[in-house]
Protein backbone atom coordinates (compact mmCIF):
# COMPACT_ATOMS: atom_id res chain seq x y z
CA MET A 1 6.33 -42.13 -39.95
CA ASN A 2 7.12 -44.22 -36.91
CA GLU A 3 4.47 -46.92 -36.35
CA ASN A 4 5.48 -47.75 -32.75
CA LYS A 5 2.94 -46.83 -30.08
CA THR A 6 2.01 -47.27 -26.42
CA TYR A 7 -1.29 -48.80 -25.27
CA LYS A 8 -3.62 -48.36 -22.30
CA LEU A 9 -6.53 -50.66 -21.48
CA LYS A 10 -9.70 -48.54 -21.40
CA SER A 11 -12.27 -51.30 -20.96
CA LEU A 12 -12.65 -55.06 -20.94
CA SER A 13 -16.06 -56.68 -21.36
CA LEU A 14 -17.37 -60.22 -21.30
CA ILE A 15 -19.38 -60.42 -24.54
CA GLU A 16 -20.18 -64.13 -24.77
CA SER A 17 -20.25 -66.93 -22.23
CA ASN A 18 -21.73 -70.32 -23.07
CA PHE A 19 -21.30 -73.51 -21.10
CA SER A 20 -22.75 -76.98 -21.44
CA ARG A 21 -21.91 -80.33 -19.87
CA GLU A 22 -23.04 -83.90 -19.66
CA ALA A 23 -25.13 -84.63 -16.58
CA GLU A 24 -22.91 -87.53 -15.50
CA ILE A 25 -19.13 -87.23 -15.74
CA GLU A 26 -16.74 -89.81 -14.30
CA PHE A 27 -13.97 -87.65 -12.88
CA ALA A 28 -11.59 -90.58 -12.52
CA THR A 29 -11.26 -90.65 -16.33
CA GLU A 30 -8.55 -88.74 -18.14
CA ILE A 31 -10.22 -85.71 -19.74
CA SER A 32 -8.44 -84.00 -22.61
CA ASN A 33 -9.08 -80.37 -23.44
CA ASP A 34 -9.18 -79.12 -27.04
CA ILE A 35 -8.70 -75.36 -27.20
CA ASP A 36 -9.34 -73.03 -30.14
CA ILE A 37 -8.39 -69.35 -29.86
CA ASP A 38 -9.69 -66.68 -32.24
CA ILE A 39 -8.36 -63.12 -32.25
CA GLN A 40 -9.94 -60.28 -34.20
CA HIS A 41 -9.21 -56.57 -34.10
CA THR A 42 -10.46 -53.23 -35.39
CA LEU A 43 -8.88 -49.79 -35.34
CA ILE A 44 -11.21 -46.86 -34.60
CA LEU A 45 -9.62 -43.43 -34.31
CA ASP A 46 -7.13 -43.62 -31.41
CA ASP A 47 -8.40 -46.97 -30.13
CA VAL A 48 -7.76 -50.56 -31.02
CA ILE A 49 -10.56 -53.01 -30.23
CA ILE A 50 -9.50 -56.63 -29.73
CA SER A 51 -11.89 -59.56 -29.60
CA LEU A 52 -10.51 -62.71 -27.95
CA LYS A 53 -12.65 -65.85 -28.16
CA VAL A 54 -11.79 -69.21 -26.62
CA ASP A 55 -13.65 -72.43 -27.45
CA LEU A 56 -12.81 -75.27 -25.09
CA ASN A 57 -14.06 -78.84 -25.41
CA GLY A 58 -13.42 -81.35 -22.63
CA LYS A 59 -13.43 -84.88 -24.02
CA PHE A 60 -12.93 -88.45 -22.92
CA LYS A 61 -11.85 -90.45 -25.96
CA ARG A 62 -14.24 -89.02 -28.57
CA LYS A 63 -17.11 -88.17 -26.25
CA LYS A 64 -17.61 -84.47 -25.53
CA LEU A 65 -18.11 -84.01 -21.77
CA PHE A 66 -18.28 -80.23 -21.55
CA ARG A 67 -17.87 -77.14 -23.67
CA PHE A 68 -17.06 -73.51 -22.96
CA THR A 69 -17.26 -70.62 -25.40
CA THR A 70 -16.02 -67.37 -23.91
CA LYS A 71 -15.43 -64.06 -25.66
CA TYR A 72 -14.02 -60.84 -24.25
CA VAL A 73 -13.59 -57.52 -26.02
CA GLY A 74 -10.88 -55.12 -24.92
CA VAL A 75 -10.62 -51.48 -25.92
CA PHE A 76 -7.09 -50.12 -25.83
CA GLU A 77 -6.16 -46.46 -26.23
CA ILE A 78 -3.25 -45.93 -28.60
CA GLY A 79 -0.65 -43.49 -27.30
CA ASN A 80 2.17 -41.70 -29.11
CA GLU A 81 5.30 -42.99 -27.35
CA ASP A 82 7.55 -45.26 -29.42
CA ILE A 83 7.17 -48.71 -27.89
CA LEU A 84 5.44 -51.29 -30.13
CA PRO A 85 3.82 -51.39 -33.60
CA VAL A 86 0.03 -51.79 -33.62
CA GLU A 87 0.25 -55.04 -35.64
CA LYS A 88 2.40 -56.73 -33.00
CA PHE A 89 0.22 -55.44 -30.15
CA VAL A 90 -3.05 -56.79 -31.59
CA GLU A 91 -1.50 -60.19 -32.39
CA ALA A 92 0.26 -60.88 -29.11
CA ASN A 93 0.39 -58.25 -26.36
CA GLY A 94 -3.29 -57.28 -26.31
CA PRO A 95 -4.56 -60.87 -26.25
CA ALA A 96 -1.95 -61.75 -23.59
CA ILE A 97 -3.38 -58.98 -21.38
CA MET A 98 -6.94 -60.28 -21.90
CA TYR A 99 -6.33 -64.04 -21.66
CA PRO A 100 -6.03 -64.27 -17.84
CA PHE A 101 -9.60 -62.95 -17.56
CA ILE A 102 -10.84 -65.78 -19.78
CA ARG A 103 -8.81 -68.31 -17.78
CA GLU A 104 -10.37 -67.05 -14.54
CA HIS A 105 -13.89 -67.04 -16.00
CA ILE A 106 -13.61 -70.64 -17.21
CA ALA A 107 -12.04 -71.84 -13.94
CA THR A 108 -14.77 -70.20 -11.87
CA THR A 109 -17.59 -71.42 -14.11
CA SER A 110 -16.26 -74.99 -14.04
CA LEU A 111 -16.27 -74.97 -10.23
CA LYS A 112 -19.82 -73.61 -10.12
CA ALA A 113 -20.85 -76.38 -12.54
CA GLY A 114 -19.57 -79.07 -10.19
CA LEU A 115 -16.53 -79.92 -12.31
CA GLN A 116 -12.93 -80.15 -11.26
CA PRO A 117 -11.46 -76.69 -11.88
CA VAL A 118 -10.64 -76.32 -15.58
CA LEU A 119 -7.34 -74.45 -15.71
CA LEU A 120 -6.37 -73.32 -19.18
CA PRO A 121 -2.67 -73.56 -19.93
CA PRO A 122 -0.63 -70.42 -20.51
CA VAL A 123 -0.48 -69.39 -24.17
CA ASN A 124 2.51 -67.98 -26.00
CA PHE A 125 0.67 -65.47 -28.19
CA ILE A 126 3.82 -64.56 -30.12
CA LYS A 127 4.22 -68.20 -31.18
CA LEU A 128 0.47 -68.49 -31.87
CA SER A 129 0.68 -65.43 -34.13
CA MET A 130 3.66 -66.88 -36.03
CA ASP A 131 1.88 -70.25 -36.40
CA ASN A 132 -1.26 -68.52 -37.74
CA LYS A 133 0.79 -66.55 -40.27
CA ALA A 134 2.49 -69.76 -41.42
CA LYS A 135 -0.91 -71.45 -41.88
CA LYS A 136 -2.17 -68.52 -43.97
CA GLN A 137 0.88 -68.74 -46.23
CA ILE A 138 0.31 -72.46 -46.82
CA THR A 139 -3.36 -72.05 -47.76
């Protein structure tokens, strides 16, 4: 049986959005952003449901200045054409389709909060998937 499939985005929903910040932030300081990305998926009939969660902490030295937690859930219809295995889609392609929506949400929220725009860097989800597999093999 061929495991390659095609995929169509049926819906994308913001499931979680939390933001907090310090009242006073000196914007002349160099703020570093720590990013954690969590990807989960479930297969239900002819659909794959992907959850993409991003935790972002803006810090100066060790002091946390702001924090975002944003989670989107995407529902993708699985088609029958031979393009890509489900495993590869849920690890890289699906999250890569969803990630720009999280980037936009965080950038917009940061502006509304009176911060400089927080622009998340692009993510290579193929490399992230390989790194996560390597970590699992070590532990």
